[in-house]
Amino acid sequence: MGDMNYNPYDNSNNSNNTNNETNSHQDPKLNPYGIPPYQYQMYRRGNAMETAAMVLGTSSVIMCNCLYLAIPFGGLAILFALLSRGGRMSMTARARNGLILGIVGIVVTIAFYAYAFYIAIQDAGSLEALLRETCEMMGYDFETLFGEYFQ
């Protein structure tokens, strides 16, 4: 069979290696793929975070007319893009694109709704007239709700 006590990370002098070459499987700092274990895990986590940032940032831009989805998606895209750095000081291109798309999605959503509110006020004539029309449409009494604010 094989040696049941075989440890690929064992770098002791008791190994059966007869030549003087250093085998990467015997280096305790490297895993069998030649990447230090901690950095390998950071790369995998960062890669998933970058992908999530790109998907959420793209979704935020696409759904900018849906306030309840675009703002959270954009915020999560920014968060995942920043978290994908791990301990590094710089971001990869995918993380940077996710960050930019998240910011653009939030800004476009806010601008879209601010413009829609501005057009609604212009159409009604004033904020008070807009609120009166809305209360009438919803079946509420304007004076009960806003009487003390608009006198």
N, C-alpha and C. Protein backbone atom coordinates (compact mmCIF):
# COMPACT_ATOMS: atom_id res chain seq x y z
N MET A 1 0.85 -1.17 0.00
CA MET A 1 0.00 0.00 0.00
C MET A 1 0.90 1.23 0.00
N GLY A 2 0.81 2.03 0.88
CA GLY A 2 1.64 3.22 0.97
C GLY A 2 1.92 3.52 2.41
N ASP A 3 2.74 4.49 2.61
CA ASP A 3 3.06 4.89 3.96
C ASP A 3 1.87 5.65 4.54
N MET A 4 1.28 5.14 5.60
CA MET A 4 0.10 5.75 6.18
C MET A 4 0.44 7.05 6.91
N ASN A 5 1.70 7.27 7.23
CA ASN A 5 2.11 8.47 7.95
C ASN A 5 2.69 9.52 7.01
N TYR A 6 2.44 9.40 5.73
CA TYR A 6 2.98 10.35 4.77
C TYR A 6 2.34 11.71 4.96
N ASN A 7 3.16 12.72 5.06
CA ASN A 7 2.71 14.10 5.19
C ASN A 7 3.39 14.91 4.09
N PRO A 8 2.64 15.46 3.14
CA PRO A 8 3.28 16.19 2.04
C PRO A 8 3.97 17.47 2.50
N TYR A 9 3.67 17.95 3.69
CA TYR A 9 4.28 19.17 4.19
C TYR A 9 5.46 18.89 5.12
N ASP A 10 5.81 17.65 5.27
CA ASP A 10 6.89 17.26 6.19
C ASP A 10 8.23 17.61 5.57
N ASN A 11 9.04 18.38 6.27
CA ASN A 11 10.35 18.78 5.78
C ASN A 11 11.43 18.28 6.73
N SER A 12 11.16 17.19 7.40
CA SER A 12 12.14 16.68 8.36
C SER A 12 13.23 15.92 7.62
N ASN A 13 14.32 15.62 8.32
CA ASN A 13 15.44 14.89 7.73
C ASN A 13 15.18 13.39 7.65
N ASN A 14 14.05 12.90 8.14
CA ASN A 14 13.73 11.49 8.13
C ASN A 14 13.08 11.05 6.82
N SER A 15 12.98 11.92 5.85
CA SER A 15 12.28 11.57 4.62
C SER A 15 13.10 10.57 3.80
N ASN A 16 12.44 9.88 2.91
CA ASN A 16 13.09 8.88 2.08
C ASN A 16 13.69 9.49 0.81
N ASN A 17 13.83 10.79 0.74
CA ASN A 17 14.37 11.47 -0.43
C ASN A 17 15.88 11.29 -0.43
N THR A 18 16.40 10.56 -1.43
CA THR A 18 17.83 10.27 -1.47
C THR A 18 18.61 11.32 -2.22
N ASN A 19 17.99 12.03 -3.14
CA ASN A 19 18.73 13.07 -3.85
C ASN A 19 18.67 14.38 -3.06
N ASN A 20 19.47 15.33 -3.43
CA ASN A 20 19.58 16.57 -2.68
C ASN A 20 18.63 17.65 -3.17
N GLU A 21 17.74 17.34 -4.13
CA GLU A 21 16.81 18.33 -4.64
C GLU A 21 15.69 18.57 -3.61
N THR A 22 15.21 19.78 -3.56
CA THR A 22 14.10 20.11 -2.66
C THR A 22 12.80 19.92 -3.42
N ASN A 23 11.94 19.10 -2.89
CA ASN A 23 10.64 18.84 -3.51
C ASN A 23 9.64 19.85 -2.96
N SER A 24 8.80 20.42 -3.83
CA SER A 24 7.85 21.43 -3.36
C SER A 24 6.81 20.83 -2.41
N HIS A 25 6.61 19.52 -2.49
CA HIS A 25 5.66 18.88 -1.58
C HIS A 25 6.21 18.79 -0.16
N GLN A 26 7.50 18.99 -0.02
CA GLN A 26 8.09 18.89 1.30
C GLN A 26 8.32 20.26 1.93
N ASP A 27 8.02 21.31 1.23
CA ASP A 27 8.15 22.66 1.79
C ASP A 27 6.93 22.93 2.66
N PRO A 28 7.10 23.18 3.95
CA PRO A 28 5.93 23.34 4.82
C PRO A 28 5.13 24.61 4.52
N LYS A 29 5.70 25.55 3.77
CA LYS A 29 4.99 26.79 3.50
C LYS A 29 4.11 26.69 2.27
N LEU A 30 4.27 25.65 1.47
CA LEU A 30 3.53 25.53 0.22
C LEU A 30 2.58 24.35 0.26
N ASN A 31 1.43 24.51 -0.38
CA ASN A 31 0.54 23.38 -0.53
C ASN A 31 0.93 22.63 -1.80
N PRO A 32 0.29 21.52 -2.14
CA PRO A 32 0.71 20.73 -3.30
C PRO A 32 0.66 21.51 -4.61
N TYR A 33 -0.04 22.63 -4.66
CA TYR A 33 -0.12 23.41 -5.89
C TYR A 33 0.95 24.48 -5.97
N GLY A 34 1.78 24.61 -4.96
CA GLY A 34 2.86 25.57 -4.97
C GLY A 34 2.47 26.96 -4.51
N ILE A 35 1.27 27.13 -3.96
CA ILE A 35 0.80 28.43 -3.49
C ILE A 35 0.70 28.35 -1.97
N PRO A 36 1.20 29.34 -1.26
CA PRO A 36 1.03 29.32 0.19
C PRO A 36 -0.46 29.24 0.54
N PRO A 37 -0.83 28.41 1.51
CA PRO A 37 -2.24 28.16 1.81
C PRO A 37 -3.03 29.41 2.12
N TYR A 38 -2.50 30.34 2.90
CA TYR A 38 -3.27 31.53 3.27
C TYR A 38 -3.54 32.39 2.04
N GLN A 39 -2.53 32.60 1.19
CA GLN A 39 -2.72 33.42 0.01
C GLN A 39 -3.68 32.75 -0.97
N TYR A 40 -3.66 31.44 -1.04
CA TYR A 40 -4.56 30.72 -1.93
C TYR A 40 -6.01 30.95 -1.51
N GLN A 41 -6.26 30.89 -0.21
CA GLN A 41 -7.62 31.14 0.28
C GLN A 41 -8.03 32.58 0.06
N MET A 42 -7.12 33.53 0.23
CA MET A 42 -7.44 34.93 0.00
C MET A 42 -7.78 35.16 -1.47
N TYR A 43 -7.04 34.51 -2.37
CA TYR A 43 -7.30 34.68 -3.79
C TYR A 43 -8.69 34.15 -4.14
N ARG A 44 -9.04 33.00 -3.62
CA ARG A 44 -10.34 32.42 -3.93
C ARG A 44 -11.47 33.28 -3.38
N ARG A 45 -11.33 33.78 -2.16
CA ARG A 45 -12.36 34.63 -1.59
C ARG A 45 -12.48 35.92 -2.37
N GLY A 46 -11.34 36.52 -2.72
CA GLY A 46 -11.35 37.76 -3.47
C GLY A 46 -11.97 37.59 -4.84
N ASN A 47 -11.72 36.44 -5.47
CA ASN A 47 -12.28 36.18 -6.79
C ASN A 47 -13.80 36.11 -6.73
N ALA A 48 -14.33 35.46 -5.72
CA ALA A 48 -15.78 35.38 -5.56
C ALA A 48 -16.38 36.75 -5.24
N MET A 49 -15.70 37.52 -4.42
CA MET A 49 -16.18 38.87 -4.09
C MET A 49 -16.16 39.78 -5.32
N GLU A 50 -15.12 39.64 -6.14
CA GLU A 50 -15.05 40.45 -7.37
C GLU A 50 -16.21 40.13 -8.29
N THR A 51 -16.50 38.85 -8.45
CA THR A 51 -17.62 38.43 -9.30
C THR A 51 -18.94 38.95 -8.75
N ALA A 52 -19.13 38.85 -7.46
CA ALA A 52 -20.36 39.35 -6.84
C ALA A 52 -20.48 40.87 -7.03
N ALA A 53 -19.37 41.59 -6.90
CA ALA A 53 -19.39 43.04 -7.10
C ALA A 53 -19.78 43.39 -8.53
N MET A 54 -19.24 42.65 -9.49
CA MET A 54 -19.58 42.92 -10.90
C MET A 54 -21.05 42.64 -11.18
N VAL A 55 -21.55 41.51 -10.69
CA VAL A 55 -22.95 41.14 -10.94
C VAL A 55 -23.89 42.13 -10.28
N LEU A 56 -23.63 42.48 -9.03
CA LEU A 56 -24.50 43.42 -8.33
C LEU A 56 -24.40 44.83 -8.89
N GLY A 57 -23.21 45.26 -9.29
CA GLY A 57 -23.06 46.58 -9.89
C GLY A 57 -23.79 46.68 -11.21
N THR A 58 -23.67 45.64 -12.03
CA THR A 58 -24.39 45.60 -13.31
C THR A 58 -25.90 45.59 -13.07
N SER A 59 -26.34 44.80 -12.11
CA SER A 59 -27.77 44.76 -11.78
C SER A 59 -28.27 46.11 -11.28
N SER A 60 -27.45 46.81 -10.54
CA SER A 60 -27.84 48.12 -10.03
C SER A 60 -28.05 49.12 -11.16
N VAL A 61 -27.16 49.08 -12.14
CA VAL A 61 -27.30 50.00 -13.28
C VAL A 61 -28.52 49.63 -14.12
N ILE A 62 -28.72 48.34 -14.34
CA ILE A 62 -29.85 47.89 -15.17
C ILE A 62 -31.18 48.22 -14.49
N MET A 63 -31.25 48.07 -13.16
CA MET A 63 -32.50 48.27 -12.44
C MET A 63 -32.58 49.65 -11.80
N CYS A 64 -32.00 50.66 -12.43
CA CYS A 64 -31.97 51.99 -11.82
C CYS A 64 -33.36 52.62 -11.69
N ASN A 65 -34.34 52.09 -12.39
CA ASN A 65 -35.70 52.63 -12.24
C ASN A 65 -36.47 51.93 -11.12
N CYS A 66 -35.87 50.98 -10.45
CA CYS A 66 -36.49 50.29 -9.33
C CYS A 66 -35.71 50.65 -8.06
N LEU A 67 -36.22 51.60 -7.32
CA LEU A 67 -35.52 52.15 -6.16
C LEU A 67 -35.18 51.09 -5.12
N TYR A 68 -36.08 50.15 -4.90
CA TYR A 68 -35.89 49.18 -3.83
C TYR A 68 -34.88 48.11 -4.16
N LEU A 69 -34.46 47.98 -5.39
CA LEU A 69 -33.42 47.02 -5.76
C LEU A 69 -32.10 47.70 -6.12
N ALA A 70 -32.15 48.83 -6.79
CA ALA A 70 -30.93 49.47 -7.29
C ALA A 70 -30.04 49.98 -6.16
N ILE A 71 -30.61 50.60 -5.16
CA ILE A 71 -29.80 51.15 -4.07
C ILE A 71 -29.12 50.04 -3.26
N PRO A 72 -29.84 48.99 -2.82
CA PRO A 72 -29.15 47.91 -2.10
C PRO A 72 -28.13 47.16 -2.96
N PHE A 73 -28.46 46.92 -4.24
CA PHE A 73 -27.51 46.24 -5.12
C PHE A 73 -26.25 47.07 -5.31
N GLY A 74 -26.41 48.37 -5.49
CA GLY A 74 -25.25 49.25 -5.64
C GLY A 74 -24.41 49.29 -4.38
N GLY A 75 -25.08 49.37 -3.23
CA GLY A 75 -24.34 49.37 -1.96
C GLY A 75 -23.58 48.08 -1.73
N LEU A 76 -24.21 46.96 -2.04
CA LEU A 76 -23.53 45.67 -1.89
C LEU A 76 -22.38 45.53 -2.89
N ALA A 77 -22.55 46.06 -4.09
CA ALA A 77 -21.46 46.01 -5.07
C ALA A 77 -20.25 46.79 -4.57
N ILE A 78 -20.49 47.95 -3.98
CA ILE A 78 -19.39 48.74 -3.42
C ILE A 78 -18.73 47.98 -2.28
N LEU A 79 -19.53 47.41 -1.40
CA LEU A 79 -19.00 46.66 -0.26
C LEU A 79 -18.17 45.46 -0.71
N PHE A 80 -18.69 44.66 -1.62
CA PHE A 80 -17.96 43.48 -2.08
C PHE A 80 -16.69 43.86 -2.85
N ALA A 81 -16.73 44.94 -3.60
CA ALA A 81 -15.53 45.38 -4.32
C ALA A 81 -14.44 45.78 -3.34
N LEU A 82 -14.83 46.47 -2.27
CA LEU A 82 -13.83 46.87 -1.28
C LEU A 82 -13.32 45.69 -0.47
N LEU A 83 -14.21 44.75 -0.16
CA LEU A 83 -13.79 43.57 0.60
C LEU A 83 -12.95 42.60 -0.23
N SER A 84 -13.06 42.65 -1.55
CA SER A 84 -12.32 41.71 -2.39
C SER A 84 -10.82 41.97 -2.36
N ARG A 85 -10.43 43.14 -1.91
CA ARG A 85 -9.00 43.45 -1.83
C ARG A 85 -8.27 42.57 -0.83
N GLY A 86 -8.97 42.15 0.21
CA GLY A 86 -8.31 41.39 1.25
C GLY A 86 -7.33 42.30 1.98
N GLY A 87 -6.08 41.90 2.03
CA GLY A 87 -5.05 42.71 2.67
C GLY A 87 -4.28 43.56 1.69
N ARG A 88 -4.60 43.46 0.42
CA ARG A 88 -3.86 44.21 -0.60
C ARG A 88 -4.32 45.67 -0.61
N MET A 89 -3.46 46.52 -1.12
CA MET A 89 -3.80 47.94 -1.21
C MET A 89 -4.46 48.30 -2.53
N SER A 90 -4.34 47.44 -3.53
CA SER A 90 -4.92 47.76 -4.83
C SER A 90 -6.01 46.75 -5.17
N MET A 91 -6.86 47.15 -6.11
CA MET A 91 -7.96 46.29 -6.55
C MET A 91 -7.65 45.76 -7.94
N THR A 92 -8.24 44.63 -8.24
CA THR A 92 -8.13 44.11 -9.59
C THR A 92 -9.10 44.87 -10.48
N ALA A 93 -8.99 44.65 -11.78
CA ALA A 93 -9.85 45.36 -12.75
C ALA A 93 -11.31 44.99 -12.54
N ARG A 94 -11.59 43.73 -12.25
CA ARG A 94 -12.98 43.31 -12.05
C ARG A 94 -13.58 43.96 -10.81
N ALA A 95 -12.82 44.03 -9.74
CA ALA A 95 -13.32 44.67 -8.52
C ALA A 95 -13.53 46.17 -8.74
N ARG A 96 -12.60 46.81 -9.46
CA ARG A 96 -12.73 48.23 -9.75
C ARG A 96 -13.97 48.50 -10.61
N ASN A 97 -14.21 47.65 -11.60
CA ASN A 97 -15.40 47.81 -12.43
C ASN A 97 -16.68 47.61 -11.62
N GLY A 98 -16.69 46.64 -10.72
CA GLY A 98 -17.85 46.45 -9.84
C GLY A 98 -18.09 47.66 -8.96
N LEU A 99 -17.01 48.25 -8.44
CA LEU A 99 -17.12 49.45 -7.62
C LEU A 99 -17.70 50.61 -8.42
N ILE A 100 -17.18 50.81 -9.62
CA ILE A 100 -17.66 51.91 -10.47
C ILE A 100 -19.12 51.70 -10.86
N LEU A 101 -19.48 50.47 -11.22
CA LEU A 101 -20.87 50.20 -11.60
C LEU A 101 -21.81 50.38 -10.42
N GLY A 102 -21.39 50.00 -9.22
CA GLY A 102 -22.22 50.21 -8.03
C GLY A 102 -22.46 51.68 -7.76
N ILE A 103 -21.40 52.49 -7.87
CA ILE A 103 -21.53 53.93 -7.66
C ILE A 103 -22.42 54.55 -8.73
N VAL A 104 -22.20 54.15 -9.99
CA VAL A 104 -23.01 54.69 -11.09
C VAL A 104 -24.47 54.31 -10.91
N GLY A 105 -24.74 53.07 -10.50
CA GLY A 105 -26.12 52.63 -10.28
C GLY A 105 -26.82 53.45 -9.22
N ILE A 106 -26.14 53.73 -8.11
CA ILE A 106 -26.74 54.53 -7.04
C ILE A 106 -26.96 55.97 -7.50
N VAL A 107 -25.97 56.57 -8.16
CA VAL A 107 -26.10 57.95 -8.61
C VAL A 107 -27.20 58.10 -9.65
N VAL A 108 -27.26 57.18 -10.61
CA VAL A 108 -28.29 57.26 -11.64
C VAL A 108 -29.68 57.08 -11.04
N THR A 109 -29.81 56.17 -10.07
CA THR A 109 -31.10 55.96 -9.41
C THR A 109 -31.56 57.21 -8.67
N ILE A 110 -30.65 57.82 -7.91
CA ILE A 110 -31.01 59.05 -7.17
C ILE A 110 -31.35 60.17 -8.15
N ALA A 111 -30.57 60.30 -9.21
CA ALA A 111 -30.86 61.35 -10.21
C ALA A 111 -32.20 61.10 -10.89
N PHE A 112 -32.49 59.85 -11.21
CA PHE A 112 -33.75 59.49 -11.87
C PHE A 112 -34.94 59.86 -10.99
N TYR A 113 -34.88 59.51 -9.71
CA TYR A 113 -36.01 59.80 -8.82
C TYR A 113 -36.09 61.28 -8.47
N ALA A 114 -34.97 61.97 -8.38
CA ALA A 114 -35.01 63.41 -8.14
C ALA A 114 -35.64 64.12 -9.33
N TYR A 115 -35.29 63.70 -10.54
CA TYR A 115 -35.88 64.30 -11.73
C TYR A 115 -37.38 64.01 -11.80
N ALA A 116 -37.78 62.79 -11.48
CA ALA A 116 -39.21 62.44 -11.49
C ALA A 116 -39.98 63.28 -10.46
N PHE A 117 -39.41 63.50 -9.29
CA PHE A 117 -40.04 64.32 -8.27
C PHE A 117 -40.14 65.78 -8.74
N TYR A 118 -39.08 66.27 -9.38
CA TYR A 118 -39.08 67.63 -9.90
C TYR A 118 -40.18 67.80 -10.96
N ILE A 119 -40.31 66.84 -11.85
CA ILE A 119 -41.33 66.91 -12.89
C ILE A 119 -42.73 66.86 -12.27
N ALA A 120 -42.93 66.04 -11.24
CA ALA A 120 -44.23 65.95 -10.57
C ALA A 120 -44.60 67.27 -9.91
N ILE A 121 -43.63 67.92 -9.28
CA ILE A 121 -43.89 69.22 -8.64
C ILE A 121 -44.19 70.27 -9.71
N GLN A 122 -43.45 70.25 -10.81
CA GLN A 122 -43.69 71.22 -11.89
C GLN A 122 -45.08 71.02 -12.50
N ASP A 123 -45.48 69.78 -12.63
CA ASP A 123 -46.79 69.48 -13.21
C ASP A 123 -47.92 69.95 -12.29
N ALA A 124 -47.74 69.75 -10.98
CA ALA A 124 -48.78 70.13 -10.01
C ALA A 124 -48.76 71.62 -9.71
N GLY A 125 -47.65 72.27 -9.87
CA GLY A 125 -47.54 73.71 -9.59
C GLY A 125 -46.78 74.01 -8.32
N SER A 126 -46.93 73.20 -7.28
CA SER A 126 -46.20 73.38 -6.03
C SER A 126 -46.22 72.07 -5.26
N LEU A 127 -45.43 72.02 -4.21
CA LEU A 127 -45.41 70.82 -3.38
C LEU A 127 -46.76 70.63 -2.69
N GLU A 128 -47.36 71.72 -2.25
CA GLU A 128 -48.67 71.61 -1.59
C GLU A 128 -49.72 71.06 -2.54
N ALA A 129 -49.72 71.53 -3.78
CA ALA A 129 -50.69 71.03 -4.76
C ALA A 129 -50.45 69.55 -5.07
N LEU A 130 -49.18 69.17 -5.13
CA LEU A 130 -48.85 67.76 -5.37
C LEU A 130 -49.35 66.89 -4.23
N LEU A 131 -49.16 67.34 -2.99
CA LEU A 131 -49.63 66.58 -1.84
C LEU A 131 -51.15 66.53 -1.78
N ARG A 132 -51.81 67.63 -2.15
CA ARG A 132 -53.28 67.64 -2.18
C ARG A 132 -53.81 66.64 -3.21
N GLU A 133 -53.20 66.62 -4.39
CA GLU A 133 -53.62 65.67 -5.43
C GLU A 133 -53.39 64.23 -4.97
N THR A 134 -52.28 64.00 -4.34
CA THR A 134 -51.97 62.64 -3.87
C THR A 134 -52.95 62.21 -2.79
N CYS A 135 -53.24 63.09 -1.85
CA CYS A 135 -54.21 62.76 -0.79
C CYS A 135 -55.60 62.51 -1.36
N GLU A 136 -55.98 63.31 -2.34
CA GLU A 136 -57.29 63.13 -2.96
C GLU A 136 -57.35 61.79 -3.71
N MET A 137 -56.27 61.46 -4.38
CA MET A 137 -56.22 60.20 -5.13
C MET A 137 -56.25 58.99 -4.18
N MET A 138 -55.60 59.11 -3.02
CA MET A 138 -55.53 58.01 -2.07
C MET A 138 -56.74 57.95 -1.13
N GLY A 139 -57.54 58.99 -1.11
CA GLY A 139 -58.73 59.00 -0.27
C GLY A 139 -58.48 59.51 1.14
N TYR A 140 -57.39 60.26 1.36
CA TYR A 140 -57.09 60.82 2.67
C TYR A 140 -57.50 62.29 2.70
N ASP A 141 -57.72 62.80 3.91
CA ASP A 141 -58.03 64.21 4.09
C ASP A 141 -56.72 64.98 4.23
N PHE A 142 -56.49 65.91 3.32
CA PHE A 142 -55.25 66.69 3.33
C PHE A 142 -55.11 67.52 4.61
N GLU A 143 -56.18 68.13 5.05
CA GLU A 143 -56.13 69.00 6.23
C GLU A 143 -55.76 68.22 7.48
N THR A 144 -56.23 66.98 7.57
CA THR A 144 -55.90 66.16 8.74
C THR A 144 -54.42 65.78 8.75
N LEU A 145 -53.89 65.44 7.57
CA LEU A 145 -52.50 65.00 7.49
C LEU A 145 -51.51 66.15 7.51
N PHE A 146 -51.75 67.18 6.71
CA PHE A 146 -50.76 68.24 6.53
C PHE A 146 -51.27 69.64 6.87
N GLY A 147 -52.40 69.74 7.51
CA GLY A 147 -52.99 71.05 7.78
C GLY A 147 -52.09 71.98 8.54
N GLU A 148 -51.37 71.50 9.55
CA GLU A 148 -50.53 72.37 10.35
C GLU A 148 -49.26 72.81 9.62
N TYR A 149 -48.85 72.06 8.56
CA TYR A 149 -47.64 72.41 7.84
C TYR A 149 -47.90 73.42 6.73
N PHE A 150 -49.09 73.38 6.14
CA PHE A 150 -49.42 74.29 5.03
C PHE A 150 -50.60 75.17 5.43
N GLN A 151 -50.34 76.30 6.04
CA GLN A 151 -51.40 77.22 6.45
C GLN A 151 -51.22 78.55 5.79
